[in-house]
Amino acid sequence: MAVRRISSFDGARTADELLGLSTPKLAEIVLQHLKSYEGTNTVMQNDMVNRRYFIGMVEGSNMGLGVSSTKPEYGAQQPAVNEALDEAWNWLVNQNMLLRVLDQPAEWYKITRAGDSCLRRLAG
């Protein structure tokens, strides 16, 4: 599976569309987006996803992850988008779809069985 930009998902093509989504709907997009990093050794490494790397990729700062884009995906509205994405990430944690890996010093998370179930439903 190739990495999918957040803006490639229906309902998130523009900042206004994304900001108009409910948190649960945006969380589904975030989960699908995170899964698309599988095997890239960037946002997802050793079956764990990194919150800072995820935001860095969307805002174009990529933090040395070897990705060429340095342009914010949503331009001037990127700060508001980042806040919405953080809310969606927290929703995934609160719904037990992402689980913090406590033995890691940085913010690494695993997609849980509930998250995998949601991904299967969305792919369905």
PDB file of N, CA and C in Angstrom:
ATOM      1  N   MET A   1       0.850  -1.178   0.000  1.00  0.00           N
ATOM      2  CA  MET A   1       0.000   0.000   0.000  1.00  0.00           C
ATOM      3  C   MET A   1       0.894   1.239   0.000  1.00  0.00           C
ATOM      4  N   ALA A   2       0.546   2.202  -0.816  1.00  0.00           N
ATOM      5  CA  ALA A   2       1.311   3.454  -0.878  1.00  0.00           C
ATOM      6  C   ALA A   2       0.792   4.441   0.162  1.00  0.00           C
ATOM      7  N   VAL A   3       1.685   5.313   0.602  1.00  0.00           N
ATOM      8  CA  VAL A   3       1.285   6.346   1.552  1.00  0.00           C
ATOM      9  C   VAL A   3       0.237   7.229   0.895  1.00  0.00           C
ATOM     10  N   ARG A   4      -0.843   7.453   1.613  1.00  0.00           N
ATOM     11  CA  ARG A   4      -1.907   8.338   1.127  1.00  0.00           C
ATOM     12  C   ARG A   4      -1.867   9.635   1.913  1.00  0.00           C
ATOM     13  N   ARG A   5      -1.817  10.732   1.195  1.00  0.00           N
ATOM     14  CA  ARG A   5      -1.890  12.030   1.854  1.00  0.00           C
ATOM     15  C   ARG A   5      -3.271  12.181   2.489  1.00  0.00           C
ATOM     16  N   ILE A   6      -3.340  12.900   3.587  1.00  0.00           N
ATOM     17  CA  ILE A   6      -4.636  13.162   4.229  1.00  0.00           C
ATOM     18  C   ILE A   6      -5.599  13.766   3.201  1.00  0.00           C
ATOM     19  N   SER A   7      -5.093  14.677   2.380  1.00  0.00           N
ATOM     20  CA  SER A   7      -5.954  15.373   1.410  1.00  0.00           C
ATOM     21  C   SER A   7      -6.434  14.469   0.280  1.00  0.00           C
ATOM     22  N   SER A   8      -5.995  13.209   0.230  1.00  0.00           N
ATOM     23  CA  SER A   8      -6.490  12.296  -0.797  1.00  0.00           C
ATOM     24  C   SER A   8      -7.797  11.625  -0.388  1.00  0.00           C
ATOM     25  N   PHE A   9      -8.202  11.790   0.855  1.00  0.00           N
ATOM     26  CA  PHE A   9      -9.420  11.150   1.353  1.00  0.00           C
ATOM     27  C   PHE A   9     -10.631  12.040   1.113  1.00  0.00           C
ATOM     28  N   ASP A  10     -11.744  11.421   0.720  1.00  0.00           N
ATOM     29  CA  ASP A  10     -12.993  12.172   0.562  1.00  0.00           C
ATOM     30  C   ASP A  10     -13.332  12.875   1.863  1.00  0.00           C
ATOM     31  N   GLY A  11     -13.708  14.134   1.751  1.00  0.00           N
ATOM     32  CA  GLY A  11     -14.065  14.925   2.918  1.00  0.00           C
ATOM     33  C   GLY A  11     -12.902  15.672   3.528  1.00  0.00           C
ATOM     34  N   ALA A  12     -11.687  15.403   3.024  1.00  0.00           N
ATOM     35  CA  ALA A  12     -10.509  16.075   3.577  1.00  0.00           C
ATOM     36  C   ALA A  12      -9.640  16.672   2.474  1.00  0.00           C
ATOM     37  N   ARG A  13     -10.213  16.863   1.308  1.00  0.00           N
ATOM     38  CA  ARG A  13      -9.426  17.364   0.167  1.00  0.00           C
ATOM     39  C   ARG A  13      -8.970  18.808   0.358  1.00  0.00           C
ATOM     40  N   THR A  14      -9.772  19.579   1.077  1.00  0.00           N
ATOM     41  CA  THR A  14      -9.395  20.960   1.394  1.00  0.00           C
ATOM     42  C   THR A  14      -9.429  21.128   2.904  1.00  0.00           C
ATOM     43  N   ALA A  15      -8.796  22.176   3.387  1.00  0.00           N
ATOM     44  CA  ALA A  15      -8.811  22.449   4.829  1.00  0.00           C
ATOM     45  C   ALA A  15     -10.240  22.677   5.314  1.00  0.00           C
ATOM     46  N   ASP A  16     -11.035  23.412   4.543  1.00  0.00           N
ATOM     47  CA  ASP A  16     -12.417  23.667   4.967  1.00  0.00           C
ATOM     48  C   ASP A  16     -13.213  22.376   5.083  1.00  0.00           C
ATOM     49  N   GLU A  17     -13.029  21.452   4.125  1.00  0.00           N
ATOM     50  CA  GLU A  17     -13.717  20.160   4.211  1.00  0.00           C
ATOM     51  C   GLU A  17     -13.274  19.405   5.462  1.00  0.00           C
ATOM     52  N   LEU A  18     -11.964  19.316   5.664  1.00  0.00           N
ATOM     53  CA  LEU A  18     -11.429  18.587   6.808  1.00  0.00           C
ATOM     54  C   LEU A  18     -11.936  19.181   8.115  1.00  0.00           C
ATOM     55  N   LEU A  19     -11.897  20.500   8.229  1.00  0.00           N
ATOM     56  CA  LEU A  19     -12.320  21.158   9.470  1.00  0.00           C
ATOM     57  C   LEU A  19     -13.819  21.020   9.711  1.00  0.00           C
ATOM     58  N   GLY A  20     -14.579  20.702   8.674  1.00  0.00           N
ATOM     59  CA  GLY A  20     -16.019  20.493   8.809  1.00  0.00           C
ATOM     60  C   GLY A  20     -16.395  19.079   9.212  1.00  0.00           C
ATOM     61  N   LEU A  21     -15.431  18.167   9.231  1.00  0.00           N
ATOM     62  CA  LEU A  21     -15.713  16.781   9.594  1.00  0.00           C
ATOM     63  C   LEU A  21     -15.932  16.632  11.095  1.00  0.00           C
ATOM     64  N   SER A  22     -16.749  15.668  11.454  1.00  0.00           N
ATOM     65  CA  SER A  22     -16.873  15.317  12.876  1.00  0.00           C
ATOM     66  C   SER A  22     -15.560  14.671  13.304  1.00  0.00           C
ATOM     67  N   THR A  23     -15.279  14.723  14.591  1.00  0.00           N
ATOM     68  CA  THR A  23     -14.044  14.117  15.095  1.00  0.00           C
ATOM     69  C   THR A  23     -13.986  12.621  14.793  1.00  0.00           C
ATOM     70  N   PRO A  24     -15.068  11.851  14.994  1.00  0.00           N
ATOM     71  CA  PRO A  24     -14.984  10.424  14.663  1.00  0.00           C
ATOM     72  C   PRO A  24     -14.691  10.165  13.179  1.00  0.00           C
ATOM     73  N   LYS A  25     -15.283  10.939  12.288  1.00  0.00           N
ATOM     74  CA  LYS A  25     -15.028  10.754  10.853  1.00  0.00           C
ATOM     75  C   LYS A  25     -13.579  11.107  10.519  1.00  0.00           C
ATOM     76  N   LEU A  26     -13.080  12.210  11.059  1.00  0.00           N
ATOM     77  CA  LEU A  26     -11.687  12.578  10.827  1.00  0.00           C
ATOM     78  C   LEU A  26     -10.759  11.522  11.424  1.00  0.00           C
ATOM     79  N   ALA A  27     -11.118  10.967  12.553  1.00  0.00           N
ATOM     80  CA  ALA A  27     -10.302   9.922  13.181  1.00  0.00           C
ATOM     81  C   ALA A  27     -10.200   8.698  12.276  1.00  0.00           C
ATOM     82  N   GLU A  28     -11.279   8.334  11.596  1.00  0.00           N
ATOM     83  CA  GLU A  28     -11.230   7.215  10.651  1.00  0.00           C
ATOM     84  C   GLU A  28     -10.235   7.504   9.528  1.00  0.00           C
ATOM     85  N   ILE A  29     -10.244   8.740   9.043  1.00  0.00           N
ATOM     86  CA  ILE A  29      -9.303   9.126   7.990  1.00  0.00           C
ATOM     87  C   ILE A  29      -7.873   9.060   8.516  1.00  0.00           C
ATOM     88  N   VAL A  30      -7.656   9.574   9.719  1.00  0.00           N
ATOM     89  CA  VAL A  30      -6.321   9.542  10.316  1.00  0.00           C
ATOM     90  C   VAL A  30      -5.842   8.095  10.455  1.00  0.00           C
ATOM     91  N   LEU A  31      -6.709   7.210  10.916  1.00  0.00           N
ATOM     92  CA  LEU A  31      -6.330   5.811  11.097  1.00  0.00           C
ATOM     93  C   LEU A  31      -5.944   5.176   9.757  1.00  0.00           C
ATOM     94  N   GLN A  32      -6.727   5.432   8.721  1.00  0.00           N
ATOM     95  CA  GLN A  32      -6.405   4.908   7.392  1.00  0.00           C
ATOM     96  C   GLN A  32      -5.095   5.500   6.874  1.00  0.00           C
ATOM     97  N   HIS A  33      -4.911   6.788   7.116  1.00  0.00           N
ATOM     98  CA  HIS A  33      -3.682   7.457   6.704  1.00  0.00           C
ATOM     99  C   HIS A  33      -2.477   6.840   7.423  1.00  0.00           C
ATOM    100  N   LEU A  34      -2.585   6.627   8.727  1.00  0.00           N
ATOM    101  CA  LEU A  34      -1.487   6.029   9.485  1.00  0.00           C
ATOM    102  C   LEU A  34      -1.151   4.642   8.959  1.00  0.00           C
ATOM    103  N   LYS A  35      -2.161   3.856   8.680  1.00  0.00           N
ATOM    104  CA  LYS A  35      -1.947   2.492   8.175  1.00  0.00           C
ATOM    105  C   LYS A  35      -1.232   2.523   6.831  1.00  0.00           C
ATOM    106  N   SER A  36      -1.444   3.586   6.044  1.00  0.00           N
ATOM    107  CA  SER A  36      -0.808   3.660   4.725  1.00  0.00           C
ATOM    108  C   SER A  36       0.711   3.816   4.829  1.00  0.00           C
ATOM    109  N   TYR A  37       1.226   4.160   5.997  1.00  0.00           N
ATOM    110  CA  TYR A  37       2.672   4.278   6.204  1.00  0.00           C
ATOM    111  C   TYR A  37       3.337   2.931   6.471  1.00  0.00           C
ATOM    112  N   GLU A  38       2.551   1.884   6.598  1.00  0.00           N
ATOM    113  CA  GLU A  38       3.095   0.571   6.912  1.00  0.00           C
ATOM    114  C   GLU A  38       4.193   0.196   5.913  1.00  0.00           C
ATOM    115  N   GLY A  39       5.340  -0.207   6.435  1.00  0.00           N
ATOM    116  CA  GLY A  39       6.454  -0.626   5.614  1.00  0.00           C
ATOM    117  C   GLY A  39       7.341   0.493   5.094  1.00  0.00           C
ATOM    118  N   THR A  40       7.036   1.752   5.450  1.00  0.00           N
ATOM    119  CA  THR A  40       7.824   2.873   4.930  1.00  0.00           C
ATOM    120  C   THR A  40       8.977   3.268   5.836  1.00  0.00           C
ATOM    121  N   ASN A  41       8.943   2.841   7.090  1.00  0.00           N
ATOM    122  CA  ASN A  41       9.957   3.199   8.081  1.00  0.00           C
ATOM    123  C   ASN A  41      10.047   4.717   8.273  1.00  0.00           C
ATOM    124  N   THR A  42       8.901   5.376   8.248  1.00  0.00           N
ATOM    125  CA  THR A  42       8.845   6.820   8.504  1.00  0.00           C
ATOM    126  C   THR A  42       7.947   7.056   9.710  1.00  0.00           C
ATOM    127  N   VAL A  43       6.683   7.406   9.478  1.00  0.00           N
ATOM    128  CA  VAL A  43       5.731   7.613  10.570  1.00  0.00           C
ATOM    129  C   VAL A  43       5.487   6.293  11.302  1.00  0.00           C
ATOM    130  N   MET A  44       5.488   5.185  10.552  1.00  0.00           N
ATOM    131  CA  MET A  44       5.314   3.865  11.154  1.00  0.00           C
ATOM    132  C   MET A  44       6.653   3.128  11.113  1.00  0.00           C
ATOM    133  N   GLN A  45       7.100   2.714  12.293  1.00  0.00           N
ATOM    134  CA  GLN A  45       8.336   1.938  12.419  1.00  0.00           C
ATOM    135  C   GLN A  45       8.087   0.809  13.405  1.00  0.00           C
ATOM    136  N   ASN A  46       8.484  -0.393  13.041  1.00  0.00           N
ATOM    137  CA  ASN A  46       8.309  -1.560  13.923  1.00  0.00           C
ATOM    138  C   ASN A  46       6.864  -1.698  14.395  1.00  0.00           C
ATOM    139  N   ASP A  47       5.929  -1.490  13.485  1.00  0.00           N
ATOM    140  CA  ASP A  47       4.483  -1.577  13.766  1.00  0.00           C
ATOM    141  C   ASP A  47       3.992  -0.550  14.783  1.00  0.00           C
ATOM    142  N   MET A  48       4.744   0.525  14.972  1.00  0.00           N
ATOM    143  CA  MET A  48       4.329   1.612  15.857  1.00  0.00           C
ATOM    144  C   MET A  48       4.268   2.903  15.044  1.00  0.00           C
ATOM    145  N   VAL A  49       3.361   3.795  15.433  1.00  0.00           N
ATOM    146  CA  VAL A  49       3.239   5.093  14.765  1.00  0.00           C
ATOM    147  C   VAL A  49       3.653   6.192  15.728  1.00  0.00           C
ATOM    148  N   ASN A  50       4.282   7.226  15.179  1.00  0.00           N
ATOM    149  CA  ASN A  50       4.787   8.324  15.989  1.00  0.00           C
ATOM    150  C   ASN A  50       3.943   9.566  15.739  1.00  0.00           C
ATOM    151  N   ARG A  51       3.417  10.129  16.808  1.00  0.00           N
ATOM    152  CA  ARG A  51       2.524  11.288  16.710  1.00  0.00           C
ATOM    153  C   ARG A  51       3.231  12.507  16.108  1.00  0.00           C
ATOM    154  N   ARG A  52       4.425  12.816  16.557  1.00  0.00           N
ATOM    155  CA  ARG A  52       5.145  13.995  16.034  1.00  0.00           C
ATOM    156  C   ARG A  52       5.502  13.821  14.573  1.00  0.00           C
ATOM    157  N   TYR A  53       5.911  12.614  14.195  1.00  0.00           N
ATOM    158  CA  TYR A  53       6.259  12.369  12.798  1.00  0.00           C
ATOM    159  C   TYR A  53       5.027  12.530  11.909  1.00  0.00           C
ATOM    160  N   PHE A  54       3.883  12.051  12.388  1.00  0.00           N
ATOM    161  CA  PHE A  54       2.629  12.167  11.645  1.00  0.00           C
ATOM    162  C   PHE A  54       2.304  13.636  11.373  1.00  0.00           C
ATOM    163  N   ILE A  55       2.301  14.452  12.411  1.00  0.00           N
ATOM    164  CA  ILE A  55       2.007  15.880  12.230  1.00  0.00           C
ATOM    165  C   ILE A  55       3.075  16.527  11.354  1.00  0.00           C
ATOM    166  N   GLY A  56       4.323  16.168  11.553  1.00  0.00           N
ATOM    167  CA  GLY A  56       5.409  16.712  10.747  1.00  0.00           C
ATOM    168  C   GLY A  56       5.233  16.442   9.265  1.00  0.00           C
ATOM    169  N   MET A  57       4.763  15.248   8.927  1.00  0.00           N
ATOM    170  CA  MET A  57       4.553  14.918   7.517  1.00  0.00           C
ATOM    171  C   MET A  57       3.431  15.763   6.924  1.00  0.00           C
ATOM    172  N   VAL A  58       2.348  15.943   7.664  1.00  0.00           N
ATOM    173  CA  VAL A  58       1.209  16.709   7.145  1.00  0.00           C
ATOM    174  C   VAL A  58       1.556  18.192   7.026  1.00  0.00           C
ATOM    175  N   GLU A  59       2.320  18.702   7.984  1.00  0.00           N
ATOM    176  CA  GLU A  59       2.650  20.129   7.922  1.00  0.00           C
ATOM    177  C   GLU A  59       3.876  20.408   7.055  1.00  0.00           C
ATOM    178  N   GLY A  60       4.499  19.346   6.545  1.00  0.00           N
ATOM    179  CA  GLY A  60       5.611  19.516   5.622  1.00  0.00           C
ATOM    180  C   GLY A  60       6.957  19.705   6.278  1.00  0.00           C
ATOM    181  N   SER A  61       7.051  19.513   7.585  1.00  0.00           N
ATOM    182  CA  SER A  61       8.348  19.666   8.240  1.00  0.00           C
ATOM    183  C   SER A  61       9.118  18.353   8.241  1.00  0.00           C
ATOM    184  N   ASN A  62       8.475  17.257   8.032  1.00  0.00           N
ATOM    185  CA  ASN A  62       8.944  15.875   7.898  1.00  0.00           C
ATOM    186  C   ASN A  62      10.135  15.460   8.763  1.00  0.00           C
ATOM    187  N   MET A  63      10.753  16.350   9.471  1.00  0.00           N
ATOM    188  CA  MET A  63      11.767  16.051  10.472  1.00  0.00           C
ATOM    189  C   MET A  63      12.810  15.034  10.021  1.00  0.00           C
ATOM    190  N   GLY A  64      13.303  15.174   8.802  1.00  0.00           N
ATOM    191  CA  GLY A  64      14.376  14.316   8.324  1.00  0.00           C
ATOM    192  C   GLY A  64      13.977  12.894   8.014  1.00  0.00           C
ATOM    193  N   LEU A  65      12.714  12.656   7.720  1.00  0.00           N
ATOM    194  CA  LEU A  65      12.260  11.299   7.467  1.00  0.00           C
ATOM    195  C   LEU A  65      12.452  10.869   6.019  1.00  0.00           C
ATOM    196  N   GLY A  66      13.168  11.661   5.240  1.00  0.00           N
ATOM    197  CA  GLY A  66      13.465  11.275   3.873  1.00  0.00           C
ATOM    198  C   GLY A  66      12.342  11.513   2.890  1.00  0.00           C
ATOM    199  N   VAL A  67      11.399  12.346   3.247  1.00  0.00           N
ATOM    200  CA  VAL A  67      10.290  12.660   2.352  1.00  0.00           C
ATOM    201  C   VAL A  67      10.530  14.042   1.784  1.00  0.00           C
ATOM    202  N   SER A  68      10.328  14.180   0.488  1.00  0.00           N
ATOM    203  CA  SER A  68      10.744  15.404  -0.197  1.00  0.00           C
ATOM    204  C   SER A  68       9.848  16.614   0.056  1.00  0.00           C
ATOM    205  N   SER A  69       8.589  16.429   0.414  1.00  0.00           N
ATOM    206  CA  SER A  69       7.689  17.566   0.575  1.00  0.00           C
ATOM    207  C   SER A  69       8.035  18.377   1.818  1.00  0.00           C
ATOM    208  N   THR A  70       8.202  19.668   1.623  1.00  0.00           N
ATOM    209  CA  THR A  70       8.424  20.563   2.754  1.00  0.00           C
ATOM    210  C   THR A  70       7.362  21.650   2.772  1.00  0.00           C
ATOM    211  N   LYS A  71       6.273  21.393   2.085  1.00  0.00           N
ATOM    212  CA  LYS A  71       5.175  22.354   1.976  1.00  0.00           C
ATOM    213  C   LYS A  71       3.997  21.856   2.807  1.00  0.00           C
ATOM    214  N   PRO A  72       3.424  22.720   3.633  1.00  0.00           N
ATOM    215  CA  PRO A  72       2.250  22.293   4.409  1.00  0.00           C
ATOM    216  C   PRO A  72       1.133  21.819   3.481  1.00  0.00           C
ATOM    217  N   GLU A  73       0.553  20.694   3.820  1.00  0.00           N
ATOM    218  CA  GLU A  73      -0.488  20.107   2.979  1.00  0.00           C
ATOM    219  C   GLU A  73      -1.700  21.019   2.845  1.00  0.00           C
ATOM    220  N   TYR A  74      -1.983  21.828   3.871  1.00  0.00           N
ATOM    221  CA  TYR A  74      -3.167  22.677   3.872  1.00  0.00           C
ATOM    222  C   TYR A  74      -2.835  24.169   3.936  1.00  0.00           C
ATOM    223  N   GLY A  75      -1.644  24.544   3.530  1.00  0.00           N
ATOM    224  CA  GLY A  75      -1.266  25.947   3.406  1.00  0.00           C
ATOM    225  C   GLY A  75      -1.436  26.743   4.685  1.00  0.00           C
ATOM    226  N   ALA A  76      -2.022  27.933   4.549  1.00  0.00           N
ATOM    227  CA  ALA A  76      -2.165  28.851   5.679  1.00  0.00           C
ATOM    228  C   ALA A  76      -3.088  28.310   6.768  1.00  0.00           C
ATOM    229  N   GLN A  77      -3.940  27.356   6.432  1.00  0.00           N
ATOM    230  CA  GLN A  77      -4.863  26.789   7.423  1.00  0.00           C
ATOM    231  C   GLN A  77      -4.248  25.597   8.175  1.00  0.00           C
ATOM    232  N   GLN A  78      -2.966  25.333   7.939  1.00  0.00           N
ATOM    233  CA  GLN A  78      -2.321  24.180   8.565  1.00  0.00           C
ATOM    234  C   GLN A  78      -2.412  24.175  10.093  1.00  0.00           C
ATOM    235  N   PRO A  79      -2.223  25.323  10.786  1.00  0.00           N
ATOM    236  CA  PRO A  79      -2.340  25.268  12.255  1.00  0.00           C
ATOM    237  C   PRO A  79      -3.718  24.784  12.734  1.00  0.00           C
ATOM    238  N   ALA A  80      -4.783  25.236  12.091  1.00  0.00           N
ATOM    239  CA  ALA A  80      -6.129  24.783  12.478  1.00  0.00           C
ATOM    240  C   ALA A  80      -6.307  23.306  12.146  1.00  0.00           C
ATOM    241  N   VAL A  81      -5.758  22.875  11.022  1.00  0.00           N
ATOM    242  CA  VAL A  81      -5.818  21.467  10.638  1.00  0.00           C
ATOM    243  C   VAL A  81      -5.053  20.620  11.650  1.00  0.00           C
ATOM    244  N   ASN A  82      -3.868  21.070  12.053  1.00  0.00           N
ATOM    245  CA  ASN A  82      -3.088  20.330  13.050  1.00  0.00           C
ATOM    246  C   ASN A  82      -3.877  20.131  14.333  1.00  0.00           C
ATOM    247  N   GLU A  83      -4.582  21.165  14.758  1.00  0.00           N
ATOM    248  CA  GLU A  83      -5.397  21.051  15.975  1.00  0.00           C
ATOM    249  C   GLU A  83      -6.492  20.000  15.793  1.00  0.00           C
ATOM    250  N   ALA A  84      -7.154  20.019  14.639  1.00  0.00           N
ATOM    251  CA  ALA A  84      -8.193  19.025  14.368  1.00  0.00           C
ATOM    252  C   ALA A  84      -7.606  17.615  14.312  1.00  0.00           C
ATOM    253  N   LEU A  85      -6.431  17.476  13.712  1.00  0.00           N
ATOM    254  CA  LEU A  85      -5.778  16.170  13.648  1.00  0.00           C
ATOM    255  C   LEU A  85      -5.375  15.681  15.034  1.00  0.00           C
ATOM    256  N   ASP A  86      -4.916  16.590  15.890  1.00  0.00           N
ATOM    257  CA  ASP A  86      -4.608  16.224  17.274  1.00  0.00           C
ATOM    258  C   ASP A  86      -5.861  15.742  18.006  1.00  0.00           C
ATOM    259  N   GLU A  87      -6.981  16.419  17.775  1.00  0.00           N
ATOM    260  CA  GLU A  87      -8.242  15.993  18.387  1.00  0.00           C
ATOM    261  C   GLU A  87      -8.630  14.602  17.906  1.00  0.00           C
ATOM    262  N   ALA A  88      -8.457  14.359  16.594  1.00  0.00           N
ATOM    263  CA  ALA A  88      -8.785  13.044  16.036  1.00  0.00           C
ATOM    264  C   ALA A  88      -7.867  11.969  16.626  1.00  0.00           C
ATOM    265  N   TRP A  89      -6.576  12.291  16.762  1.00  0.00           N
ATOM    266  CA  TRP A  89      -5.619  11.342  17.357  1.00  0.00           C
ATOM    267  C   TRP A  89      -6.062  11.006  18.782  1.00  0.00           C
ATOM    268  N   ASN A  90      -6.394  12.029  19.575  1.00  0.00           N
ATOM    269  CA  ASN A  90      -6.839  11.794  20.957  1.00  0.00           C
ATOM    270  C   ASN A  90      -8.112  10.960  20.992  1.00  0.00           C
ATOM    271  N   TRP A  91      -9.012  11.187  20.038  1.00  0.00           N
ATOM    272  CA  TRP A  91     -10.241  10.398  19.959  1.00  0.00           C
ATOM    273  C   TRP A  91      -9.885   8.929  19.730  1.00  0.00           C
ATOM    274  N   LEU A  92      -8.931   8.660  18.823  1.00  0.00           N
ATOM    275  CA  LEU A  92      -8.498   7.283  18.570  1.00  0.00           C
ATOM    276  C   LEU A  92      -7.924   6.645  19.825  1.00  0.00           C
ATOM    277  N   VAL A  93      -7.154   7.392  20.594  1.00  0.00           N
ATOM    278  CA  VAL A  93      -6.605   6.880  21.851  1.00  0.00           C
ATOM    279  C   VAL A  93      -7.748   6.586  22.826  1.00  0.00           C
ATOM    280  N   ASN A  94      -8.679   7.529  22.967  1.00  0.00           N
ATOM    281  CA  ASN A  94      -9.789   7.361  23.912  1.00  0.00           C
ATOM    282  C   ASN A  94     -10.733   6.229  23.514  1.00  0.00           C
ATOM    283  N   GLN A  95     -10.799   5.908  22.223  1.00  0.00           N
ATOM    284  CA  GLN A  95     -11.637   4.803  21.748  1.00  0.00           C
ATOM    285  C   GLN A  95     -10.871   3.480  21.690  1.00  0.00           C
ATOM    286  N   ASN A  96      -9.653   3.483  22.230  1.00  0.00           N
ATOM    287  CA  ASN A  96      -8.799   2.298  22.284  1.00  0.00           C
ATOM    288  C   ASN A  96      -8.446   1.771  20.888  1.00  0.00           C
ATOM    289  N   MET A  97      -8.285   2.673  19.940  1.00  0.00           N
ATOM    290  CA  MET A  97      -7.843   2.268  18.607  1.00  0.00           C
ATOM    291  C   MET A  97      -6.347   2.503  18.425  1.00  0.00           C
ATOM    292  N   LEU A  98      -5.798   3.406  19.237  1.00  0.00           N
ATOM    293  CA  LEU A  98      -4.356   3.609  19.329  1.00  0.00           C
ATOM    294  C   LEU A  98      -3.973   3.464  20.791  1.00  0.00           C
ATOM    295  N   LEU A  99      -2.866   2.776  21.028  1.00  0.00           N
ATOM    296  CA  LEU A  99      -2.405   2.537  22.395  1.00  0.00           C
ATOM    297  C   LEU A  99      -0.970   3.014  22.523  1.00  0.00           C
ATOM    298  N   ARG A 100      -0.713   3.868  23.506  1.00  0.00           N
ATOM    299  CA  ARG A 100       0.632   4.402  23.764  1.00  0.00           C
ATOM    300  C   ARG A 100       1.538   3.262  24.197  1.00  0.00           C
ATOM    301  N   VAL A 101       2.702   3.168  23.578  1.00  0.00           N
ATOM    302  CA  VAL A 101       3.695   2.157  23.939  1.00  0.00           C
ATOM    303  C   VAL A 101       4.568   2.775  25.027  1.00  0.00           C
ATOM    304  N   LEU A 102       4.333   2.387  26.250  1.00  0.00           N
ATOM    305  CA  LEU A 102       4.931   3.058  27.401  1.00  0.00           C
ATOM    306  C   LEU A 102       6.426   2.824  27.555  1.00  0.00           C
ATOM    307  N   ASP A 103       6.960   1.753  26.976  1.00  0.00           N
ATOM    308  CA  ASP A 103       8.394   1.532  27.131  1.00  0.00           C
ATOM    309  C   ASP A 103       9.227   2.284  26.094  1.00  0.00           C
ATOM    310  N   GLN A 104       8.582   3.136  25.308  1.00  0.00           N
ATOM    311  CA  GLN A 104       9.275   3.984  24.347  1.00  0.00           C
ATOM    312  C   GLN A 104       9.384   5.399  24.917  1.00  0.00           C
ATOM    313  N   PRO A 105      10.541   6.047  24.806  1.00  0.00           N
ATOM    314  CA  PRO A 105      10.686   7.390  25.358  1.00  0.00           C
ATOM    315  C   PRO A 105       9.904   8.455  24.578  1.00  0.00           C
ATOM    316  N   ALA A 106       9.714   8.252  23.278  1.00  0.00           N
ATOM    317  CA  ALA A 106       8.952   9.208  22.470  1.00  0.00           C
ATOM    318  C   ALA A 106       7.504   8.732  22.382  1.00  0.00           C
ATOM    319  N   GLU A 107       6.663   9.549  21.741  1.00  0.00           N
ATOM    320  CA  GLU A 107       5.239   9.220  21.624  1.00  0.00           C
ATOM    321  C   GLU A 107       4.999   8.222  20.491  1.00  0.00           C
ATOM    322  N   TRP A 108       5.207   6.956  20.788  1.00  0.00           N
ATOM    323  CA  TRP A 108       4.932   5.882  19.846  1.00  0.00           C
ATOM    324  C   TRP A 108       3.665   5.165  20.285  1.00  0.00           C
ATOM    325  N   TYR A 109       2.872   4.791  19.301  1.00  0.00           N
ATOM    326  CA  TYR A 109       1.591   4.136  19.543  1.00  0.00           C
ATOM    327  C   TYR A 109       1.472   2.916  18.647  1.00  0.00           C
ATOM    328  N   LYS A 110       0.651   1.983  19.060  1.00  0.00           N
ATOM    329  CA  LYS A 110       0.319   0.828  18.234  1.00  0.00           C
ATOM    330  C   LYS A 110      -1.155   0.912  17.872  1.00  0.00           C
ATOM    331  N   ILE A 111      -1.471   0.470  16.661  1.00  0.00           N
ATOM    332  CA  ILE A 111      -2.869   0.318  16.281  1.00  0.00           C
ATOM    333  C   ILE A 111      -3.362  -0.944  16.979  1.00  0.00           C
ATOM    334  N   THR A 112      -4.435  -0.816  17.730  1.00  0.00           N
ATOM    335  CA  THR A 112      -4.956  -1.917  18.536  1.00  0.00           C
ATOM    336  C   THR A 112      -5.841  -2.845  17.702  1.00  0.00           C
ATOM    337  N   ARG A 113      -6.327  -3.902  18.350  1.00  0.00           N
ATOM    338  CA  ARG A 113      -7.282  -4.797  17.687  1.00  0.00           C
ATOM    339  C   ARG A 113      -8.534  -4.036  17.290  1.00  0.00           C
ATOM    340  N   ALA A 114      -8.974  -3.112  18.140  1.00  0.00           N
ATOM    341  CA  ALA A 114     -10.154  -2.300  17.790  1.00  0.00           C
ATOM    342  C   ALA A 114      -9.859  -1.427  16.574  1.00  0.00           C
ATOM    343  N   GLY A 115      -8.648  -0.886  16.501  1.00  0.00           N
ATOM    344  CA  GLY A 115      -8.251  -0.092  15.344  1.00  0.00           C
ATOM    345  C   GLY A 115      -8.192  -0.937  14.082  1.00  0.00           C
ATOM    346  N   ASP A 116      -7.633  -2.143  14.201  1.00  0.00           N
ATOM    347  CA  ASP A 116      -7.586  -3.056  13.055  1.00  0.00           C
ATOM    348  C   ASP A 116      -8.995  -3.430  12.593  1.00  0.00           C
ATOM    349  N   SER A 117      -9.886  -3.640  13.547  1.00  0.00           N
ATOM    350  CA  SER A 117     -11.285  -3.961  13.214  1.00  0.00           C
ATOM    351  C   SER A 117     -11.929  -2.798  12.455  1.00  0.00           C
ATOM    352  N   CYS A 118     -11.684  -1.594  12.909  1.00  0.00           N
ATOM    353  CA  CYS A 118     -12.214  -0.406  12.235  1.00  0.00           C
ATOM    354  C   CYS A 118     -11.650  -0.309  10.811  1.00  0.00           C
ATOM    355  N   LEU A 119     -10.361  -0.555  10.654  1.00  0.00           N
ATOM    356  CA  LEU A 119      -9.733  -0.503   9.322  1.00  0.00           C
ATOM    357  C   LEU A 119     -10.343  -1.545   8.387  1.00  0.00           C
ATOM    358  N   ARG A 120     -10.617  -2.738   8.897  1.00  0.00           N
ATOM    359  CA  ARG A 120     -11.252  -3.785   8.067  1.00  0.00           C
ATOM    360  C   ARG A 120     -12.652  -3.356   7.653  1.00  0.00           C
ATOM    361  N   ARG A 121     -13.393  -2.752   8.586  1.00  0.00           N
ATOM    362  CA  ARG A 121     -14.740  -2.269   8.264  1.00  0.00           C
ATOM    363  C   ARG A 121     -14.685  -1.197   7.191  1.00  0.00           C
ATOM    364  N   LEU A 122     -13.730  -0.281   7.306  1.00  0.00           N
ATOM    365  CA  LEU A 122     -13.615   0.804   6.325  1.00  0.00           C
ATOM    366  C   LEU A 122     -13.186   0.295   4.954  1.00  0.00           C
ATOM    367  N   ALA A 123     -12.386  -0.780   4.930  1.00  0.00           N
ATOM    368  CA  ALA A 123     -11.924  -1.345   3.662  1.00  0.00           C
ATOM    369  C   ALA A 123     -13.014  -2.183   2.996  1.00  0.00           C
ATOM    370  N   GLY A 124     -13.987  -2.614   3.829  1.00  0.00           N
ATOM    371  CA  GLY A 124     -15.022  -3.537   3.484  1.00  0.00           C
ATOM    372  C   GLY A 124     -15.798  -3.376   2.298  1.00  0.00           C
TER     373      GLY A 124
END
